[in-house]
């Protein structure tokens, strides 16, 4: 039986490296979510209230939904919803915690840069995460999409959609 955590560990322990949507295969959940995201407000940052999980049931397992909060320490990202497959990739359910609590500092900085970038630009971004020990036989790439939203109170939110680059590996998660 395949065990993601034993083989690859957590995506939270590897930095994000920016890529374009052209680097993802057409069936990747991140590109499927991009099509949905664009349909919500013509490519402009949509209201969170326009998002309907019933519209994308096959993608829900990949979602990580973050709300940005501003504190004396700067911007914080609270993970308030996490799909089952995304939980597998992050070494367990992290829902109800802040991104910096379950991500190593160097890796957190790359994630915060992506989150800030999509919120500042109002446009999605894509990144790769190389996962696995450098000397291991198994190293894989996770592609992640980040999509900005604004909730009813005007507070920024980001939906992350991480999934393996390999279509075969996605079947196991």
N, C-alpha and C. Protein backbone atom coordinates (compact mmCIF):
# COMPACT_ATOMS: atom_id res chain seq x y z
N UNK A 1 0.84 -1.19 0.00
CA UNK A 1 0.00 0.00 0.00
C UNK A 1 0.88 1.24 0.00
N UNK A 2 0.55 2.19 -0.82
CA UNK A 2 1.29 3.44 -0.92
C UNK A 2 1.00 4.33 0.28
N UNK A 3 2.04 4.87 0.88
CA UNK A 3 1.90 5.78 2.02
C UNK A 3 2.64 7.07 1.69
N UNK A 4 1.87 8.12 1.35
CA UNK A 4 2.46 9.40 0.97
C UNK A 4 3.42 9.92 2.02
N UNK A 5 3.01 9.95 3.27
CA UNK A 5 3.81 10.55 4.34
C UNK A 5 5.13 9.83 4.52
N UNK A 6 5.12 8.53 4.41
CA UNK A 6 6.35 7.75 4.59
C UNK A 6 7.30 7.98 3.43
N UNK A 7 6.78 8.08 2.24
CA UNK A 7 7.62 8.21 1.06
C UNK A 7 8.08 9.64 0.82
N UNK A 8 7.18 10.61 0.91
CA UNK A 8 7.50 11.97 0.50
C UNK A 8 7.55 13.00 1.63
N UNK A 9 7.05 12.69 2.79
CA UNK A 9 6.98 13.64 3.90
C UNK A 9 5.94 14.70 3.59
N UNK A 10 6.14 15.90 4.11
CA UNK A 10 5.16 16.97 3.97
C UNK A 10 5.61 18.02 2.95
N UNK A 11 4.65 18.57 2.20
CA UNK A 11 5.00 19.66 1.29
C UNK A 11 5.36 20.92 2.06
N UNK A 12 5.09 20.94 3.35
CA UNK A 12 5.36 22.13 4.17
C UNK A 12 6.85 22.29 4.47
N UNK A 13 7.65 21.29 4.11
CA UNK A 13 9.08 21.33 4.41
C UNK A 13 9.92 21.56 3.16
N UNK A 14 9.30 22.08 2.12
CA UNK A 14 10.02 22.38 0.88
C UNK A 14 9.52 23.72 0.33
N UNK A 15 10.42 24.54 -0.21
CA UNK A 15 10.02 25.86 -0.71
C UNK A 15 9.21 25.79 -2.00
N UNK A 16 8.43 26.84 -2.24
CA UNK A 16 7.71 27.01 -3.49
C UNK A 16 8.62 27.71 -4.49
N UNK A 17 8.52 27.30 -5.75
CA UNK A 17 9.24 27.96 -6.84
C UNK A 17 8.22 28.29 -7.91
N UNK A 18 8.13 29.55 -8.29
CA UNK A 18 7.12 29.99 -9.24
C UNK A 18 7.23 29.34 -10.60
N UNK A 19 6.08 29.03 -11.19
CA UNK A 19 5.96 28.50 -12.55
C UNK A 19 4.76 29.19 -13.19
N UNK A 20 4.47 28.83 -14.42
CA UNK A 20 3.29 29.38 -15.09
C UNK A 20 2.24 28.28 -15.22
N UNK A 21 1.04 28.67 -15.57
CA UNK A 21 -0.02 27.69 -15.75
C UNK A 21 0.31 26.73 -16.89
N UNK A 22 1.15 27.14 -17.84
CA UNK A 22 1.56 26.28 -18.94
C UNK A 22 2.40 25.10 -18.48
N UNK A 23 2.95 25.17 -17.27
CA UNK A 23 3.78 24.09 -16.73
C UNK A 23 2.95 22.96 -16.11
N UNK A 24 1.65 23.13 -16.02
CA UNK A 24 0.77 22.11 -15.44
C UNK A 24 0.06 21.35 -16.55
N UNK A 25 -0.20 20.05 -16.30
CA UNK A 25 -0.93 19.28 -17.30
C UNK A 25 -2.40 19.72 -17.28
N UNK A 26 -3.09 19.61 -18.40
CA UNK A 26 -4.46 20.15 -18.51
C UNK A 26 -5.46 19.57 -17.51
N UNK A 27 -5.18 18.40 -16.97
CA UNK A 27 -6.10 17.78 -16.02
C UNK A 27 -5.75 18.08 -14.56
N UNK A 28 -4.72 18.87 -14.34
CA UNK A 28 -4.30 19.17 -12.97
C UNK A 28 -5.43 19.92 -12.25
N UNK A 29 -5.69 19.56 -10.99
CA UNK A 29 -6.74 20.25 -10.23
C UNK A 29 -6.55 21.77 -10.16
N UNK A 30 -5.31 22.26 -10.17
CA UNK A 30 -5.07 23.69 -10.14
C UNK A 30 -5.59 24.38 -11.39
N UNK A 31 -5.44 23.75 -12.55
CA UNK A 31 -5.96 24.34 -13.78
C UNK A 31 -7.47 24.22 -13.86
N UNK A 32 -8.00 23.14 -13.33
CA UNK A 32 -9.46 23.01 -13.28
C UNK A 32 -10.06 24.09 -12.39
N UNK A 33 -9.40 24.37 -11.26
CA UNK A 33 -9.89 25.43 -10.38
C UNK A 33 -9.73 26.79 -11.05
N UNK A 34 -8.67 26.98 -11.82
CA UNK A 34 -8.46 28.25 -12.54
C UNK A 34 -9.64 28.53 -13.46
N UNK A 35 -10.09 27.53 -14.19
CA UNK A 35 -11.24 27.69 -15.09
C UNK A 35 -12.47 28.11 -14.29
N UNK A 36 -12.68 27.44 -13.15
CA UNK A 36 -13.81 27.79 -12.28
C UNK A 36 -13.66 29.21 -11.74
N UNK A 37 -12.47 29.55 -11.23
CA UNK A 37 -12.20 30.87 -10.65
C UNK A 37 -12.50 31.97 -11.65
N UNK A 38 -12.03 31.79 -12.89
CA UNK A 38 -12.27 32.79 -13.93
C UNK A 38 -13.75 32.96 -14.24
N UNK A 39 -14.53 31.90 -14.08
CA UNK A 39 -15.96 31.97 -14.37
C UNK A 39 -16.73 32.77 -13.32
N UNK A 40 -16.13 32.98 -12.16
CA UNK A 40 -16.84 33.64 -11.06
C UNK A 40 -16.96 35.15 -11.23
N UNK A 41 -15.96 35.77 -11.87
CA UNK A 41 -16.00 37.23 -11.98
C UNK A 41 -15.19 37.70 -13.19
N UNK A 42 -15.22 36.93 -14.24
CA UNK A 42 -14.55 37.33 -15.47
C UNK A 42 -13.06 37.55 -15.35
N UNK A 43 -12.39 36.84 -14.46
CA UNK A 43 -10.95 36.99 -14.31
C UNK A 43 -10.53 38.02 -13.29
N UNK A 44 -11.47 38.75 -12.71
CA UNK A 44 -11.17 39.70 -11.63
C UNK A 44 -11.35 38.96 -10.30
N UNK A 45 -10.77 39.50 -9.23
CA UNK A 45 -10.89 38.84 -7.93
C UNK A 45 -12.36 38.70 -7.54
N UNK A 46 -12.83 37.47 -7.39
CA UNK A 46 -14.24 37.27 -7.05
C UNK A 46 -14.51 37.40 -5.55
N UNK A 47 -15.76 37.62 -5.24
CA UNK A 47 -16.23 37.59 -3.85
C UNK A 47 -16.23 36.12 -3.39
N UNK A 48 -15.84 35.89 -2.17
CA UNK A 48 -15.85 34.54 -1.61
C UNK A 48 -17.26 33.96 -1.64
N UNK A 49 -18.28 34.78 -1.49
CA UNK A 49 -19.66 34.32 -1.49
C UNK A 49 -20.09 33.74 -2.84
N UNK A 50 -19.36 34.05 -3.91
CA UNK A 50 -19.70 33.50 -5.22
C UNK A 50 -19.17 32.08 -5.39
N UNK A 51 -18.27 31.66 -4.52
CA UNK A 51 -17.70 30.32 -4.56
C UNK A 51 -18.72 29.31 -4.03
N UNK A 52 -19.01 28.29 -4.82
CA UNK A 52 -19.96 27.27 -4.42
C UNK A 52 -19.31 25.89 -4.53
N UNK A 53 -19.06 25.22 -3.41
CA UNK A 53 -18.44 23.89 -3.46
C UNK A 53 -19.20 22.89 -4.34
N UNK A 54 -20.50 23.05 -4.46
CA UNK A 54 -21.28 22.14 -5.29
C UNK A 54 -20.87 22.22 -6.76
N UNK A 55 -20.26 23.33 -7.16
CA UNK A 55 -19.84 23.50 -8.55
C UNK A 55 -18.58 22.69 -8.89
N UNK A 56 -17.80 22.31 -7.88
CA UNK A 56 -16.52 21.65 -8.14
C UNK A 56 -16.27 20.47 -7.18
N UNK A 57 -17.19 19.54 -7.05
CA UNK A 57 -17.05 18.48 -6.05
C UNK A 57 -15.77 17.66 -6.17
N UNK A 58 -15.28 17.42 -7.37
CA UNK A 58 -14.08 16.60 -7.53
C UNK A 58 -12.81 17.33 -7.10
N UNK A 59 -12.87 18.64 -6.93
CA UNK A 59 -11.69 19.42 -6.54
C UNK A 59 -11.62 19.68 -5.04
N UNK A 60 -12.69 19.47 -4.33
CA UNK A 60 -12.74 19.83 -2.91
C UNK A 60 -11.65 19.16 -2.09
N UNK A 61 -11.29 17.95 -2.43
CA UNK A 61 -10.27 17.23 -1.65
C UNK A 61 -8.89 17.88 -1.74
N UNK A 62 -8.67 18.72 -2.75
CA UNK A 62 -7.38 19.37 -2.94
C UNK A 62 -7.29 20.76 -2.33
N UNK A 63 -8.38 21.34 -1.88
CA UNK A 63 -8.40 22.75 -1.47
C UNK A 63 -7.81 23.00 -0.09
N UNK A 64 -7.14 24.14 0.02
CA UNK A 64 -6.70 24.70 1.30
C UNK A 64 -7.15 26.15 1.26
N UNK A 65 -8.03 26.54 2.18
CA UNK A 65 -8.59 27.89 2.16
C UNK A 65 -8.03 28.70 3.33
N UNK A 66 -7.34 29.79 2.97
CA UNK A 66 -6.68 30.66 3.94
C UNK A 66 -7.35 32.02 4.01
N UNK A 67 -7.42 32.56 5.21
CA UNK A 67 -7.89 33.92 5.43
C UNK A 67 -6.70 34.73 5.95
N UNK A 68 -6.43 35.88 5.31
CA UNK A 68 -5.34 36.73 5.79
C UNK A 68 -5.82 37.55 6.97
N UNK A 69 -5.01 37.58 8.00
CA UNK A 69 -5.27 38.39 9.18
C UNK A 69 -4.05 39.26 9.42
N UNK A 70 -4.28 40.49 9.80
CA UNK A 70 -3.18 41.42 10.08
C UNK A 70 -3.05 41.53 11.60
N UNK A 71 -1.83 41.40 12.08
CA UNK A 71 -1.55 41.52 13.51
C UNK A 71 -0.34 42.42 13.68
N UNK A 72 0.07 42.61 14.92
CA UNK A 72 1.26 43.40 15.20
C UNK A 72 2.50 42.77 14.57
N UNK A 73 2.45 41.45 14.36
CA UNK A 73 3.58 40.72 13.76
C UNK A 73 3.53 40.72 12.23
N UNK A 74 2.54 41.35 11.65
CA UNK A 74 2.43 41.37 10.19
C UNK A 74 1.25 40.55 9.72
N UNK A 75 1.34 40.07 8.49
CA UNK A 75 0.24 39.30 7.92
C UNK A 75 0.36 37.82 8.30
N UNK A 76 -0.76 37.28 8.75
CA UNK A 76 -0.85 35.87 9.13
C UNK A 76 -1.89 35.22 8.24
N UNK A 77 -1.73 33.92 8.02
CA UNK A 77 -2.64 33.19 7.14
C UNK A 77 -3.23 32.01 7.89
N UNK A 78 -4.53 32.12 8.16
CA UNK A 78 -5.26 31.12 8.94
C UNK A 78 -5.90 30.12 7.98
N UNK A 79 -5.57 28.84 8.14
CA UNK A 79 -6.14 27.78 7.32
C UNK A 79 -7.47 27.36 7.94
N UNK A 80 -8.58 27.72 7.30
CA UNK A 80 -9.87 27.42 7.90
C UNK A 80 -10.59 26.26 7.23
N UNK A 81 -10.09 25.78 6.10
CA UNK A 81 -10.70 24.62 5.45
C UNK A 81 -9.62 23.89 4.67
N UNK A 82 -9.61 22.57 4.82
CA UNK A 82 -8.59 21.76 4.15
C UNK A 82 -9.20 20.46 3.68
N UNK A 83 -9.03 20.15 2.40
CA UNK A 83 -9.52 18.90 1.85
C UNK A 83 -8.67 17.71 2.26
N UNK A 84 -9.21 16.51 2.12
CA UNK A 84 -8.53 15.30 2.56
C UNK A 84 -7.20 15.07 1.85
N UNK A 85 -7.16 15.23 0.54
CA UNK A 85 -5.91 15.01 -0.19
C UNK A 85 -4.88 16.07 0.16
N UNK A 86 -5.30 17.31 0.33
CA UNK A 86 -4.38 18.36 0.77
C UNK A 86 -3.84 18.04 2.16
N UNK A 87 -4.67 17.47 3.02
CA UNK A 87 -4.22 17.07 4.37
C UNK A 87 -3.15 15.99 4.28
N UNK A 88 -3.30 15.07 3.35
CA UNK A 88 -2.28 14.04 3.16
C UNK A 88 -0.95 14.68 2.77
N UNK A 89 -0.99 15.66 1.90
CA UNK A 89 0.23 16.32 1.43
C UNK A 89 0.92 17.12 2.52
N UNK A 90 0.15 17.59 3.50
CA UNK A 90 0.72 18.45 4.56
C UNK A 90 0.96 17.69 5.86
N UNK A 91 1.05 16.38 5.77
CA UNK A 91 1.35 15.54 6.94
C UNK A 91 0.24 15.62 7.98
N UNK A 92 -0.99 15.64 7.51
CA UNK A 92 -2.13 15.59 8.42
C UNK A 92 -2.98 16.85 8.37
N UNK A 93 -4.11 16.77 8.98
CA UNK A 93 -5.06 17.87 8.99
C UNK A 93 -4.48 19.05 9.77
N UNK A 94 -4.36 20.18 9.10
CA UNK A 94 -3.82 21.40 9.70
C UNK A 94 -4.91 22.47 9.84
N UNK A 95 -6.10 22.13 9.44
CA UNK A 95 -7.24 23.06 9.50
C UNK A 95 -7.38 23.62 10.91
N UNK A 96 -7.60 24.93 10.99
CA UNK A 96 -7.76 25.57 12.29
C UNK A 96 -6.45 26.09 12.86
N UNK A 97 -5.39 26.10 12.04
CA UNK A 97 -4.09 26.61 12.50
C UNK A 97 -3.58 27.65 11.50
N UNK A 98 -2.53 28.33 11.89
CA UNK A 98 -1.90 29.32 11.03
C UNK A 98 -0.79 28.67 10.21
N UNK A 99 -0.60 29.16 9.01
CA UNK A 99 0.40 28.61 8.10
C UNK A 99 1.78 28.53 8.75
N UNK A 100 2.18 29.55 9.49
CA UNK A 100 3.52 29.54 10.10
C UNK A 100 3.65 28.48 11.18
N UNK A 101 2.54 27.95 11.69
CA UNK A 101 2.59 26.92 12.73
C UNK A 101 2.93 25.54 12.18
N UNK A 102 2.69 25.31 10.90
CA UNK A 102 2.96 23.96 10.35
C UNK A 102 3.91 23.99 9.15
N UNK A 103 4.60 25.11 8.97
CA UNK A 103 5.54 25.25 7.86
C UNK A 103 6.88 25.76 8.38
N UNK A 104 7.97 25.13 7.93
CA UNK A 104 9.29 25.59 8.32
C UNK A 104 9.51 27.02 7.84
N UNK A 105 10.31 27.81 8.57
CA UNK A 105 10.45 29.24 8.31
C UNK A 105 10.83 29.57 6.86
N UNK A 106 11.86 28.94 6.31
CA UNK A 106 12.28 29.23 4.94
C UNK A 106 11.13 28.94 3.97
N UNK A 107 10.44 27.85 4.19
CA UNK A 107 9.33 27.47 3.32
C UNK A 107 8.13 28.39 3.53
N UNK A 108 7.92 28.80 4.77
CA UNK A 108 6.85 29.75 5.06
C UNK A 108 7.05 31.04 4.27
N UNK A 109 8.29 31.52 4.22
CA UNK A 109 8.58 32.76 3.51
C UNK A 109 8.20 32.67 2.04
N UNK A 110 8.45 31.51 1.41
CA UNK A 110 8.09 31.36 -0.01
C UNK A 110 6.58 31.30 -0.18
N UNK A 111 5.89 30.68 0.76
CA UNK A 111 4.43 30.62 0.68
C UNK A 111 3.80 31.99 0.93
N UNK A 112 4.31 32.69 1.92
CA UNK A 112 3.78 34.02 2.21
C UNK A 112 4.00 34.95 1.01
N UNK A 113 5.12 34.83 0.33
CA UNK A 113 5.37 35.65 -0.86
C UNK A 113 4.34 35.37 -1.95
N UNK A 114 3.99 34.10 -2.15
CA UNK A 114 2.97 33.76 -3.15
C UNK A 114 1.61 34.29 -2.72
N UNK A 115 1.25 34.10 -1.45
CA UNK A 115 -0.04 34.58 -0.96
C UNK A 115 -0.14 36.09 -1.08
N UNK A 116 0.91 36.79 -0.69
CA UNK A 116 0.92 38.25 -0.82
C UNK A 116 0.80 38.66 -2.28
N UNK A 117 1.53 37.97 -3.14
CA UNK A 117 1.54 38.30 -4.56
C UNK A 117 0.16 38.18 -5.19
N UNK A 118 -0.57 37.09 -4.90
CA UNK A 118 -1.89 36.94 -5.51
C UNK A 118 -2.88 37.94 -4.93
N UNK A 119 -2.73 38.26 -3.66
CA UNK A 119 -3.64 39.24 -3.06
C UNK A 119 -3.35 40.65 -3.58
N UNK A 120 -2.07 40.97 -3.78
CA UNK A 120 -1.71 42.29 -4.31
C UNK A 120 -2.12 42.45 -5.77
N UNK A 121 -1.93 41.39 -6.55
CA UNK A 121 -2.22 41.48 -7.99
C UNK A 121 -3.68 41.20 -8.31
N UNK A 122 -4.36 40.46 -7.43
CA UNK A 122 -5.73 40.05 -7.71
C UNK A 122 -5.81 38.94 -8.74
N UNK A 123 -4.66 38.30 -9.04
CA UNK A 123 -4.60 37.26 -10.05
C UNK A 123 -3.96 36.00 -9.49
N UNK A 124 -4.33 34.83 -10.02
CA UNK A 124 -3.76 33.57 -9.56
C UNK A 124 -2.26 33.47 -9.87
N UNK A 125 -1.61 32.57 -9.16
CA UNK A 125 -0.20 32.26 -9.39
C UNK A 125 -0.02 30.76 -9.23
N UNK A 126 1.04 30.24 -9.81
CA UNK A 126 1.33 28.81 -9.73
C UNK A 126 2.76 28.60 -9.30
N UNK A 127 3.00 27.48 -8.62
CA UNK A 127 4.33 27.18 -8.12
C UNK A 127 4.53 25.66 -8.07
N UNK A 128 5.79 25.27 -8.02
CA UNK A 128 6.16 23.87 -7.84
C UNK A 128 6.78 23.69 -6.47
N UNK A 129 6.62 22.50 -5.93
CA UNK A 129 7.26 22.11 -4.69
C UNK A 129 7.90 20.76 -4.95
N UNK A 130 9.22 20.66 -4.78
CA UNK A 130 9.93 19.38 -4.91
C UNK A 130 9.90 18.72 -3.54
N UNK A 131 9.41 17.49 -3.48
CA UNK A 131 9.24 16.81 -2.20
C UNK A 131 9.98 15.48 -2.22
N UNK A 132 10.64 15.19 -1.12
CA UNK A 132 11.37 13.95 -0.95
C UNK A 132 12.80 14.26 -0.53
N UNK A 133 13.45 13.28 0.04
CA UNK A 133 14.84 13.46 0.44
C UNK A 133 15.72 13.54 -0.80
N UNK A 134 16.73 14.41 -0.78
CA UNK A 134 17.57 14.59 -1.96
C UNK A 134 18.25 13.29 -2.38
N UNK A 135 18.58 12.44 -1.44
CA UNK A 135 19.25 11.19 -1.76
C UNK A 135 18.27 10.03 -1.95
N UNK A 136 16.99 10.30 -1.83
CA UNK A 136 15.97 9.24 -1.91
C UNK A 136 15.74 8.80 -3.36
N UNK A 137 15.22 7.61 -3.48
CA UNK A 137 14.85 7.09 -4.80
C UNK A 137 13.60 7.79 -5.32
N UNK A 138 12.79 8.30 -4.42
CA UNK A 138 11.51 8.90 -4.81
C UNK A 138 11.49 10.38 -4.49
N UNK A 139 11.51 11.18 -5.53
CA UNK A 139 11.33 12.62 -5.41
C UNK A 139 10.22 12.96 -6.39
N UNK A 140 9.30 13.79 -5.95
CA UNK A 140 8.20 14.16 -6.85
C UNK A 140 7.97 15.65 -6.79
N UNK A 141 7.21 16.13 -7.74
CA UNK A 141 6.87 17.55 -7.82
C UNK A 141 5.38 17.71 -7.54
N UNK A 142 5.09 18.67 -6.70
CA UNK A 142 3.71 19.07 -6.43
C UNK A 142 3.52 20.42 -7.11
N UNK A 143 2.47 20.55 -7.90
CA UNK A 143 2.11 21.84 -8.47
C UNK A 143 1.03 22.44 -7.58
N UNK A 144 1.13 23.72 -7.33
CA UNK A 144 0.12 24.39 -6.50
C UNK A 144 -0.35 25.66 -7.20
N UNK A 145 -1.64 25.87 -7.15
CA UNK A 145 -2.23 27.11 -7.63
C UNK A 145 -2.72 27.91 -6.44
N UNK A 146 -2.62 29.23 -6.52
CA UNK A 146 -3.11 30.13 -5.47
C UNK A 146 -4.07 31.12 -6.11
N UNK A 147 -5.26 31.26 -5.51
CA UNK A 147 -6.34 32.02 -6.11
C UNK A 147 -6.92 33.01 -5.11
N UNK A 148 -6.89 34.31 -5.43
CA UNK A 148 -7.40 35.32 -4.49
C UNK A 148 -8.92 35.42 -4.50
N UNK A 149 -9.45 35.73 -3.33
CA UNK A 149 -10.88 36.02 -3.13
C UNK A 149 -10.98 37.16 -2.13
N UNK A 150 -12.16 37.74 -2.03
CA UNK A 150 -12.45 38.74 -1.00
C UNK A 150 -13.73 38.29 -0.31
N UNK A 151 -13.71 38.21 1.04
CA UNK A 151 -14.94 37.77 1.72
C UNK A 151 -15.89 38.94 1.94
N UNK A 152 -17.03 38.66 2.54
CA UNK A 152 -18.09 39.66 2.70
C UNK A 152 -17.64 40.90 3.46
N UNK A 153 -16.71 40.73 4.39
CA UNK A 153 -16.21 41.87 5.17
C UNK A 153 -15.07 42.60 4.47
N UNK A 154 -14.73 42.18 3.25
CA UNK A 154 -13.63 42.81 2.54
C UNK A 154 -12.28 42.21 2.86
N UNK A 155 -12.27 41.19 3.71
CA UNK A 155 -11.02 40.56 4.12
C UNK A 155 -10.51 39.63 3.02
N UNK A 156 -9.22 39.70 2.68
CA UNK A 156 -8.66 38.86 1.62
C UNK A 156 -8.55 37.39 2.04
N UNK A 157 -8.79 36.53 1.08
CA UNK A 157 -8.65 35.10 1.27
C UNK A 157 -7.93 34.52 0.06
N UNK A 158 -7.30 33.37 0.27
CA UNK A 158 -6.62 32.68 -0.82
C UNK A 158 -7.00 31.20 -0.75
N UNK A 159 -7.36 30.66 -1.90
CA UNK A 159 -7.56 29.22 -2.03
C UNK A 159 -6.31 28.66 -2.68
N UNK A 160 -5.68 27.71 -2.01
CA UNK A 160 -4.53 27.00 -2.56
C UNK A 160 -5.02 25.64 -3.03
N UNK A 161 -4.47 25.19 -4.17
CA UNK A 161 -4.82 23.90 -4.72
C UNK A 161 -3.52 23.15 -5.03
N UNK A 162 -2.98 22.42 -4.03
CA UNK A 162 -1.78 21.63 -4.28
C UNK A 162 -2.15 20.21 -4.71
N UNK A 163 -1.46 19.69 -5.71
CA UNK A 163 -1.68 18.32 -6.15
C UNK A 163 -0.42 17.85 -6.88
N UNK A 164 -0.14 16.55 -6.83
CA UNK A 164 1.03 16.05 -7.53
C UNK A 164 1.01 16.37 -9.03
N UNK A 165 2.18 16.62 -9.56
CA UNK A 165 2.31 16.83 -11.00
C UNK A 165 1.92 15.56 -11.74
N UNK A 166 2.24 14.42 -11.18
CA UNK A 166 1.97 13.14 -11.81
C UNK A 166 0.50 12.77 -11.72
N UNK A 167 -0.18 12.59 -12.87
CA UNK A 167 -1.58 12.15 -12.83
C UNK A 167 -1.74 10.79 -12.14
N UNK A 168 -0.75 9.93 -12.31
CA UNK A 168 -0.81 8.60 -11.67
C UNK A 168 -0.77 8.71 -10.15
N UNK A 169 0.06 9.60 -9.64
CA UNK A 169 0.17 9.77 -8.19
C UNK A 169 -1.09 10.41 -7.61
N UNK A 170 -1.74 11.30 -8.36
CA UNK A 170 -2.98 11.94 -7.89
C UNK A 170 -4.06 10.91 -7.60
N UNK A 171 -4.05 9.81 -8.31
CA UNK A 171 -5.06 8.76 -8.10
C UNK A 171 -4.98 8.18 -6.69
N UNK A 172 -3.79 8.15 -6.11
CA UNK A 172 -3.60 7.56 -4.78
C UNK A 172 -3.94 8.50 -3.64
N UNK A 173 -4.16 9.75 -3.93
CA UNK A 173 -4.42 10.72 -2.86
C UNK A 173 -5.85 11.15 -2.86
